[in-house]
Protein backbone atom coordinates (compact mmCIF):
# COMPACT_ATOMS: atom_id res chain seq x y z
CA MET A 1 103.08 99.52 88.94
CA TYR A 2 104.72 97.63 91.78
CA ALA A 3 105.71 99.59 94.90
CA ILE A 4 107.46 98.34 98.01
CA ALA A 5 107.96 99.95 101.38
CA ILE A 6 110.96 98.89 103.43
CA ASN A 7 110.57 99.45 107.14
CA GLY A 8 113.71 99.36 109.27
CA SER A 9 111.96 100.21 112.52
CA PRO A 10 111.67 97.43 115.12
CA ARG A 11 108.33 98.85 116.37
CA LYS A 12 105.33 97.21 114.73
CA GLY A 13 102.37 99.57 114.86
CA GLY A 14 104.66 102.53 115.55
CA ASN A 15 104.70 105.86 113.72
CA THR A 16 106.82 104.66 110.79
CA ASP A 17 104.70 101.56 110.34
CA CYS A 18 101.46 103.58 110.35
CA ILE A 19 102.82 106.16 107.89
CA MET A 20 103.98 103.41 105.54
CA ASP A 21 100.53 101.83 105.66
CA ALA A 22 98.97 105.16 104.67
CA VAL A 23 101.42 105.66 101.80
CA LEU A 24 100.82 102.13 100.51
CA GLU A 25 97.08 102.56 100.83
CA GLY A 26 97.32 105.65 98.64
CA ALA A 27 99.41 103.79 96.06
CA GLN A 28 96.97 100.89 96.11
CA SER A 29 94.05 103.23 95.47
CA GLY A 30 95.92 104.28 92.32
CA ASP A 31 95.95 100.62 91.18
CA ALA A 32 99.51 99.86 92.26
CA GLN A 33 100.48 96.44 93.57
CA VAL A 34 102.11 97.09 96.95
CA GLU A 35 104.19 95.22 99.48
CA LYS A 36 105.60 96.18 102.86
CA ILE A 37 108.82 94.58 104.03
CA SER A 38 109.65 94.89 107.72
CA PHE A 39 113.26 94.15 108.58
CA CYS A 40 112.24 93.12 112.10
CA ASP A 41 110.37 90.15 110.57
CA LYS A 42 113.37 89.02 108.54
CA ASN A 43 116.49 87.04 109.26
CA ILE A 44 119.23 89.48 108.23
CA SER A 45 122.87 89.05 109.14
CA PRO A 46 125.56 91.71 108.82
CA CYS A 47 128.23 91.60 106.14
CA THR A 48 131.39 89.90 107.34
CA GLY A 49 133.61 91.48 104.67
CA CYS A 50 134.69 88.12 103.26
CA LEU A 51 134.55 89.45 99.65
CA GLY A 52 132.86 86.20 98.56
CA CYS A 53 130.18 88.10 96.66
CA GLY A 54 132.33 89.06 93.65
CA ASN A 55 130.40 89.01 90.36
CA LYS A 56 127.91 86.30 91.28
CA ASP A 57 124.19 86.10 90.55
CA LEU A 58 121.79 87.83 92.90
CA GLU A 59 120.53 84.58 94.44
CA THR A 60 124.01 83.23 95.20
CA HIS A 61 126.08 86.37 95.64
CA CYS A 62 126.50 86.12 99.40
CA VAL A 63 127.85 83.26 101.49
CA ILE A 64 125.55 84.30 104.36
CA LYS A 65 122.22 82.52 103.99
CA ASP A 66 119.56 84.96 105.16
CA ASP A 67 116.50 86.77 103.77
CA MET A 68 118.40 89.51 101.91
CA PRO A 69 118.49 87.90 98.42
CA GLY A 70 114.68 87.91 98.30
CA ILE A 71 114.59 91.53 99.43
CA TYR A 72 117.18 92.51 96.82
CA LYS A 73 115.11 90.77 94.13
CA ARG A 74 111.91 92.60 95.09
CA PHE A 75 113.79 95.90 95.24
CA LEU A 76 115.11 95.42 91.71
CA GLU A 77 111.66 94.45 90.41
CA CYS A 78 109.76 97.39 91.93
CA ASP A 79 108.84 100.59 90.11
CA ALA A 80 108.77 102.67 93.30
CA PHE A 81 109.89 102.29 96.89
CA VAL A 82 109.42 104.00 100.22
């Protein structure tokens, strides 16, 4: 099993971060492979509404070059997420 936790909070070491660590620790003790993704560590730009995404592949679907394609890929590969 592969589980990811996506943290949108900008506060490293804050309540959300600590709770996510505890949840992932529990999943890991059950033999799950885990990963925590913190948006504050990523380069993420907002959608500009250009409609350039259309029906393109995941890696090339957006004209904005940021960290989101890698996050989308991990999200689609995971068995569980928090």
